[in-house]
N, C-alpha and C. Protein backbone atom coordinates (compact mmCIF):
# COMPACT_ATOMS: atom_id res chain seq x y z
N UNK A 1 0.98 -1.19 0.07
CA UNK A 1 -0.03 -0.03 -0.04
C UNK A 1 0.90 1.30 -0.05
N UNK A 2 0.32 2.32 -0.62
CA UNK A 2 1.14 3.61 -0.66
C UNK A 2 0.53 4.42 0.52
N UNK A 3 1.48 4.98 1.25
CA UNK A 3 1.12 5.94 2.44
C UNK A 3 1.62 7.34 2.24
N UNK A 4 0.94 8.28 2.55
CA UNK A 4 1.30 9.72 2.44
C UNK A 4 1.22 10.32 3.80
N UNK A 5 2.28 11.14 4.03
CA UNK A 5 2.35 12.06 5.26
C UNK A 5 2.93 13.35 4.75
N UNK A 6 2.37 14.32 5.23
CA UNK A 6 3.12 15.77 4.82
C UNK A 6 3.12 16.70 6.07
N UNK A 7 3.90 17.68 6.07
CA UNK A 7 4.02 18.66 7.14
C UNK A 7 5.17 19.37 6.99
N UNK A 8 5.43 20.17 8.08
CA UNK A 8 6.56 21.08 8.22
C UNK A 8 7.81 20.33 8.72
N UNK A 9 7.70 19.49 9.90
CA UNK A 9 8.67 18.69 10.40
C UNK A 9 9.83 19.72 10.75
N UNK A 10 9.46 20.78 11.39
CA UNK A 10 10.49 21.84 11.69
C UNK A 10 11.55 21.45 12.85
N UNK A 11 10.94 21.03 13.90
CA UNK A 11 11.81 20.59 15.06
C UNK A 11 11.15 19.18 15.39
N UNK A 12 11.86 18.18 15.02
CA UNK A 12 11.33 16.75 15.35
C UNK A 12 11.16 16.42 16.74
N UNK A 13 10.01 15.93 17.02
CA UNK A 13 9.72 15.51 18.45
C UNK A 13 9.01 14.21 18.43
N UNK A 14 8.71 13.69 19.57
CA UNK A 14 8.11 12.35 19.75
C UNK A 14 6.83 12.27 18.94
N UNK A 15 6.16 13.22 18.93
CA UNK A 15 4.81 13.07 18.12
C UNK A 15 5.20 12.84 16.63
N UNK A 16 6.04 13.57 16.09
CA UNK A 16 6.42 13.32 14.69
C UNK A 16 6.97 11.76 14.46
N UNK A 17 7.82 11.40 15.41
CA UNK A 17 8.44 9.98 15.22
C UNK A 17 7.37 9.03 15.20
N UNK A 18 6.45 9.09 16.20
CA UNK A 18 5.33 8.09 16.33
C UNK A 18 4.43 8.17 15.05
N UNK A 19 4.15 9.23 14.59
CA UNK A 19 3.33 9.45 13.40
C UNK A 19 3.94 8.79 12.21
N UNK A 20 5.15 9.16 12.03
CA UNK A 20 6.01 8.62 10.84
C UNK A 20 6.23 7.09 10.97
N UNK A 21 6.53 6.64 12.14
CA UNK A 21 6.78 5.36 12.40
C UNK A 21 5.40 4.43 12.20
N UNK A 22 4.34 4.84 12.53
CA UNK A 22 3.07 4.30 12.35
C UNK A 22 2.73 4.27 10.98
N UNK A 23 2.95 5.42 10.18
CA UNK A 23 2.61 5.50 8.91
C UNK A 23 3.44 4.52 8.00
N UNK A 24 4.68 4.33 8.37
CA UNK A 24 5.62 3.38 7.51
C UNK A 24 5.13 2.00 7.90
N UNK A 25 4.61 1.70 9.05
CA UNK A 25 4.15 0.43 9.37
C UNK A 25 2.98 -0.07 8.43
N UNK A 26 2.29 0.99 7.87
CA UNK A 26 1.07 0.63 6.96
C UNK A 26 1.49 0.34 5.50
N UNK A 27 2.62 0.66 5.11
CA UNK A 27 3.04 0.52 3.74
C UNK A 27 4.21 1.36 3.33
N UNK A 28 4.28 1.61 1.99
CA UNK A 28 5.29 2.33 1.38
C UNK A 28 5.06 3.79 1.73
N UNK A 29 5.90 4.53 2.54
CA UNK A 29 5.84 5.89 2.91
C UNK A 29 6.35 6.81 2.06
N UNK A 30 5.65 7.78 1.52
CA UNK A 30 6.25 9.02 1.01
C UNK A 30 5.89 10.19 1.83
N UNK A 31 6.92 11.06 2.19
CA UNK A 31 6.78 12.22 3.14
C UNK A 31 6.93 13.50 2.27
N UNK A 32 5.93 14.32 2.44
CA UNK A 32 5.99 15.67 1.85
C UNK A 32 6.37 16.70 3.00
N UNK A 33 7.27 17.50 2.45
CA UNK A 33 7.79 18.70 3.44
C UNK A 33 7.53 20.05 2.86
N UNK A 34 6.99 20.94 3.72
CA UNK A 34 6.82 22.29 3.36
C UNK A 34 8.24 22.98 3.14
N UNK A 35 8.27 23.72 1.93
CA UNK A 35 9.57 24.56 1.75
C UNK A 35 9.59 25.73 2.73
N UNK A 36 10.82 26.13 2.90
CA UNK A 36 10.97 27.37 3.84
C UNK A 36 9.96 28.53 3.65
N UNK A 37 9.77 28.81 2.37
CA UNK A 37 8.87 29.98 2.00
C UNK A 37 7.50 29.73 2.51
N UNK A 38 6.96 28.39 2.30
CA UNK A 38 5.61 28.02 2.79
C UNK A 38 5.59 28.08 4.20
N UNK A 39 6.59 27.53 4.92
CA UNK A 39 6.53 27.57 6.43
C UNK A 39 6.41 29.02 6.91
N UNK A 40 7.21 29.88 6.41
CA UNK A 40 7.19 31.28 6.89
C UNK A 40 5.83 31.83 6.55
N UNK A 41 5.24 31.58 5.37
CA UNK A 41 3.87 32.09 4.96
C UNK A 41 2.71 31.54 6.04
N UNK A 42 2.97 30.34 6.33
CA UNK A 42 1.87 29.69 7.15
C UNK A 42 1.99 29.92 8.59
N UNK A 43 3.17 29.86 9.14
CA UNK A 43 3.52 29.93 10.46
C UNK A 43 4.11 31.09 11.03
N UNK A 44 4.43 32.11 10.09
CA UNK A 44 4.95 33.34 10.65
C UNK A 44 6.50 33.53 10.67
N UNK A 45 6.87 34.75 10.99
CA UNK A 45 8.29 35.11 11.06
C UNK A 45 8.86 34.22 12.10
N UNK A 46 10.22 34.07 12.03
CA UNK A 46 10.97 33.17 13.05
C UNK A 46 10.82 31.66 12.58
N UNK A 47 10.02 31.30 11.55
CA UNK A 47 9.85 29.87 11.26
C UNK A 47 10.33 29.80 9.73
N UNK A 48 10.81 28.72 9.30
CA UNK A 48 11.10 27.63 10.11
C UNK A 48 12.42 27.83 10.96
N UNK A 49 12.58 27.00 12.06
CA UNK A 49 13.64 27.02 12.88
C UNK A 49 14.75 26.44 12.33
N UNK A 50 14.47 25.32 11.60
CA UNK A 50 15.46 24.64 10.79
C UNK A 50 15.15 24.65 9.39
N UNK A 51 16.19 24.86 8.58
CA UNK A 51 15.82 25.25 7.00
C UNK A 51 15.70 23.91 6.40
N UNK A 52 15.10 23.98 5.19
CA UNK A 52 14.63 22.68 4.39
C UNK A 52 15.57 21.65 4.36
N UNK A 53 16.86 22.04 4.07
CA UNK A 53 18.02 21.12 3.86
C UNK A 53 18.14 20.26 5.23
N UNK A 54 18.14 20.99 6.25
CA UNK A 54 18.30 20.34 7.49
C UNK A 54 17.07 19.42 7.96
N UNK A 55 15.95 19.90 7.51
CA UNK A 55 14.64 19.11 7.86
C UNK A 55 14.69 17.76 6.91
N UNK A 56 15.20 17.93 5.63
CA UNK A 56 15.20 16.71 4.87
C UNK A 56 16.29 15.77 5.53
N UNK A 57 17.45 16.29 5.93
CA UNK A 57 18.48 15.38 6.43
C UNK A 57 17.96 14.79 7.74
N UNK A 58 17.26 15.49 8.64
CA UNK A 58 16.88 14.80 9.77
C UNK A 58 15.84 13.69 9.54
N UNK A 59 14.80 14.02 8.57
CA UNK A 59 13.87 12.87 8.25
C UNK A 59 14.60 11.69 7.54
N UNK A 60 15.50 11.96 6.55
CA UNK A 60 16.29 10.87 5.86
C UNK A 60 17.12 10.02 6.69
N UNK A 61 17.33 10.53 7.93
CA UNK A 61 18.16 9.68 8.93
C UNK A 61 17.23 8.69 9.60
N UNK A 62 15.94 8.77 9.53
CA UNK A 62 15.06 7.88 10.23
C UNK A 62 14.87 6.65 9.40
N UNK A 63 15.13 5.46 9.86
CA UNK A 63 15.15 4.28 9.00
C UNK A 63 13.91 3.83 8.32
N UNK A 64 12.75 4.50 8.79
CA UNK A 64 11.45 4.18 8.19
C UNK A 64 11.00 5.29 7.15
N UNK A 65 11.72 6.29 6.99
CA UNK A 65 11.44 7.34 5.86
C UNK A 65 12.42 6.98 4.71
N UNK A 66 11.71 6.54 3.68
CA UNK A 66 12.47 6.23 2.38
C UNK A 66 12.39 7.32 1.34
N UNK A 67 11.24 8.09 1.30
CA UNK A 67 11.06 8.90 0.09
C UNK A 67 10.48 10.21 0.56
N UNK A 68 11.00 11.38 0.05
CA UNK A 68 10.70 12.73 0.62
C UNK A 68 10.63 13.47 -0.64
N UNK A 69 9.56 14.28 -0.69
CA UNK A 69 9.22 15.35 -1.69
C UNK A 69 9.04 16.77 -0.98
N UNK A 70 9.25 17.85 -1.84
CA UNK A 70 8.90 19.13 -1.14
C UNK A 70 7.97 19.94 -2.02
N UNK A 71 7.35 20.94 -1.41
CA UNK A 71 6.30 21.75 -2.10
C UNK A 71 6.21 23.16 -1.39
N UNK A 72 5.87 24.10 -2.27
CA UNK A 72 5.74 25.54 -1.80
C UNK A 72 4.27 25.90 -1.82
N UNK A 73 3.49 25.34 -2.69
CA UNK A 73 2.10 25.84 -2.80
C UNK A 73 1.12 24.68 -2.45
N UNK A 74 -0.20 25.02 -2.31
CA UNK A 74 -1.23 24.07 -2.17
C UNK A 74 -1.30 23.29 -3.18
N UNK A 75 -1.14 23.89 -4.49
CA UNK A 75 -1.34 23.34 -5.73
C UNK A 75 -0.25 22.16 -5.90
N UNK A 76 1.00 22.45 -5.63
CA UNK A 76 2.09 21.54 -5.66
C UNK A 76 1.98 20.32 -4.72
N UNK A 77 1.45 20.72 -3.45
CA UNK A 77 1.00 19.54 -2.56
C UNK A 77 0.08 18.71 -3.13
N UNK A 78 -1.04 19.33 -3.65
CA UNK A 78 -2.08 18.53 -4.14
C UNK A 78 -1.79 17.70 -5.39
N UNK A 79 -0.82 18.23 -6.21
CA UNK A 79 -0.30 17.44 -7.32
C UNK A 79 0.63 16.30 -6.95
N UNK A 80 1.40 16.37 -5.94
CA UNK A 80 2.29 15.50 -5.43
C UNK A 80 1.34 14.20 -4.93
N UNK A 81 0.35 14.63 -4.06
CA UNK A 81 -0.64 13.45 -3.59
C UNK A 81 -1.26 12.83 -4.75
N UNK A 82 -1.84 13.63 -5.68
CA UNK A 82 -2.53 13.15 -6.91
C UNK A 82 -1.82 12.10 -7.65
N UNK A 83 -0.43 12.60 -7.96
CA UNK A 83 0.35 11.69 -8.67
C UNK A 83 0.84 10.54 -7.98
N UNK A 84 1.04 10.58 -6.67
CA UNK A 84 1.39 9.40 -5.88
C UNK A 84 0.36 8.47 -5.74
N UNK A 85 -0.97 8.99 -5.73
CA UNK A 85 -2.11 8.21 -5.45
C UNK A 85 -2.12 7.22 -4.33
N UNK A 86 -1.95 7.93 -3.15
CA UNK A 86 -1.77 7.02 -1.93
C UNK A 86 -3.14 6.26 -1.55
N UNK A 87 -2.94 5.09 -0.92
CA UNK A 87 -4.09 4.44 -0.25
C UNK A 87 -4.52 5.14 1.08
N UNK A 88 -3.54 5.46 1.72
CA UNK A 88 -3.83 6.17 3.04
C UNK A 88 -3.05 7.34 3.28
N UNK A 89 -3.54 8.41 3.82
CA UNK A 89 -2.83 9.59 4.34
C UNK A 89 -2.89 9.53 5.77
N UNK A 90 -1.86 9.89 6.43
CA UNK A 90 -1.78 9.74 7.88
C UNK A 90 -1.59 11.20 8.37
N UNK A 91 -2.44 11.63 9.36
CA UNK A 91 -2.42 12.95 9.82
C UNK A 91 -2.56 12.91 11.31
N UNK A 92 -2.10 13.97 12.01
CA UNK A 92 -2.27 13.94 13.45
C UNK A 92 -3.68 14.27 13.80
N UNK A 93 -4.18 13.93 14.98
CA UNK A 93 -5.60 13.99 15.35
C UNK A 93 -6.03 15.39 15.39
N UNK A 94 -5.19 16.52 15.48
CA UNK A 94 -5.46 17.84 15.56
C UNK A 94 -5.95 18.31 14.13
N UNK A 95 -5.92 17.48 13.03
CA UNK A 95 -6.44 17.75 11.78
C UNK A 95 -7.96 17.34 11.56
N UNK A 96 -8.30 16.52 12.48
CA UNK A 96 -9.82 16.05 12.39
C UNK A 96 -10.68 17.17 12.07
N UNK A 97 -11.36 17.25 11.09
CA UNK A 97 -12.51 18.32 10.80
C UNK A 97 -11.84 19.39 10.14
N UNK A 98 -10.48 19.41 9.85
CA UNK A 98 -9.81 20.46 9.07
C UNK A 98 -9.79 20.18 7.68
N UNK A 99 -9.41 21.17 6.90
CA UNK A 99 -9.19 21.12 5.44
C UNK A 99 -8.00 20.27 5.04
N UNK A 100 -8.20 19.17 4.60
CA UNK A 100 -6.92 18.29 4.27
C UNK A 100 -6.75 18.49 2.78
N UNK A 101 -5.75 19.17 2.49
CA UNK A 101 -5.36 19.46 1.04
C UNK A 101 -5.08 18.05 0.43
N UNK A 102 -5.50 17.73 -0.74
CA UNK A 102 -5.29 16.43 -1.42
C UNK A 102 -6.12 15.33 -0.97
N UNK A 103 -6.89 15.46 0.21
CA UNK A 103 -7.47 14.37 0.83
C UNK A 103 -8.44 13.69 -0.21
N UNK A 104 -9.05 14.39 -1.07
CA UNK A 104 -9.89 13.69 -2.04
C UNK A 104 -9.15 12.70 -2.93
N UNK A 105 -7.86 12.73 -2.98
CA UNK A 105 -7.13 11.77 -3.83
C UNK A 105 -6.66 10.70 -3.17
N UNK A 106 -7.10 10.40 -1.95
CA UNK A 106 -6.73 9.15 -1.11
C UNK A 106 -7.92 8.36 -0.81
N UNK A 107 -7.63 7.02 -0.46
CA UNK A 107 -8.78 6.20 -0.25
C UNK A 107 -9.33 6.30 1.18
N UNK A 108 -8.40 6.71 2.18
CA UNK A 108 -8.59 6.64 3.54
C UNK A 108 -7.65 7.72 4.22
N UNK A 109 -8.16 8.27 5.22
CA UNK A 109 -7.34 9.26 6.23
C UNK A 109 -7.35 8.65 7.50
N UNK A 110 -6.11 8.25 7.96
CA UNK A 110 -5.93 7.85 9.27
C UNK A 110 -5.45 8.85 10.16
N UNK A 111 -6.00 9.03 11.39
CA UNK A 111 -5.63 10.10 12.35
C UNK A 111 -4.90 9.49 13.47
N UNK A 112 -3.75 10.00 13.79
CA UNK A 112 -2.94 9.45 14.84
C UNK A 112 -3.14 10.45 16.16
N UNK A 113 -3.25 9.90 17.33
CA UNK A 113 -3.47 10.61 18.45
C UNK A 113 -2.24 11.51 18.72
N UNK A 114 -2.38 12.67 19.20
CA UNK A 114 -1.25 13.49 19.67
C UNK A 114 -0.52 13.14 20.84
N UNK A 115 0.66 13.45 21.00
CA UNK A 115 1.42 13.15 22.16
C UNK A 115 1.31 14.41 23.10
N UNK A 116 0.79 14.40 24.25
CA UNK A 116 0.49 15.50 25.09
C UNK A 116 1.79 16.38 25.21
N UNK A 117 1.58 17.59 25.13
CA UNK A 117 2.63 18.69 25.15
C UNK A 117 3.66 18.54 24.11
N UNK A 118 3.52 17.80 23.07
CA UNK A 118 4.53 17.74 21.97
C UNK A 118 3.98 18.38 20.80
N UNK A 119 4.33 19.54 20.53
CA UNK A 119 4.04 20.06 19.21
C UNK A 119 5.12 21.12 18.99
N UNK A 120 5.68 21.40 17.70
CA UNK A 120 6.62 22.34 17.50
C UNK A 120 6.32 23.65 17.99
N UNK A 121 5.09 24.03 17.82
CA UNK A 121 4.68 25.43 18.27
C UNK A 121 4.93 25.61 19.75
N UNK A 122 4.45 24.55 20.46
CA UNK A 122 4.65 24.71 22.00
C UNK A 122 6.08 24.49 22.28
N UNK A 123 6.97 23.66 21.75
CA UNK A 123 8.29 23.56 22.04
C UNK A 123 9.02 24.94 21.78
N UNK A 124 8.77 25.55 20.67
CA UNK A 124 9.41 26.88 20.27
C UNK A 124 8.69 28.02 20.86
N UNK A 125 7.50 27.89 21.49
CA UNK A 125 6.91 29.09 22.03
C UNK A 125 6.27 30.06 21.07
N UNK A 126 6.07 29.48 19.77
CA UNK A 126 5.47 30.35 18.79
C UNK A 126 4.01 30.08 18.70
N UNK A 127 3.37 31.20 18.40
CA UNK A 127 1.94 31.05 17.99
C UNK A 127 1.80 31.40 16.55
N UNK A 128 2.52 32.39 15.96
CA UNK A 128 2.41 32.62 14.55
C UNK A 128 1.02 32.56 13.94
N UNK A 129 0.89 32.17 12.66
CA UNK A 129 -0.35 32.08 12.18
C UNK A 129 -0.99 30.85 12.20
N UNK A 130 -0.24 29.80 12.82
CA UNK A 130 -0.60 28.50 12.68
C UNK A 130 -1.71 28.03 13.86
N UNK A 131 -2.58 27.17 13.47
CA UNK A 131 -3.40 26.60 14.55
C UNK A 131 -2.74 25.40 15.40
N UNK A 132 -1.49 25.02 14.77
CA UNK A 132 -0.75 24.00 15.40
C UNK A 132 0.48 24.43 16.10
């Protein structure tokens, strides 16, 4: 099965690790990462804390992450999802009821419970424009 996960992955924490590990246990995992321009636009000044190259290197070091793509716009993200045609998209539970870009191109969306107190926004003390 093809599995899709996307996000900023600015400061890796236990919540990210558990989400990615669970996603990889379901099948062939592709991870999409927001570019620096997109992160700044969505999350505000001061973000990302780690640049795109560093974030790619962090994720590439995880044994269960095999494939990574990047995107700057909603359209690019949606096109990546459409072209990959995943069976399952995995999201954090904080996305339930939210607008899932590309969700119409997947057969199922699986939500993973959040790890209490573990979010990049909380760790960095930023509120920015993000709801996360």
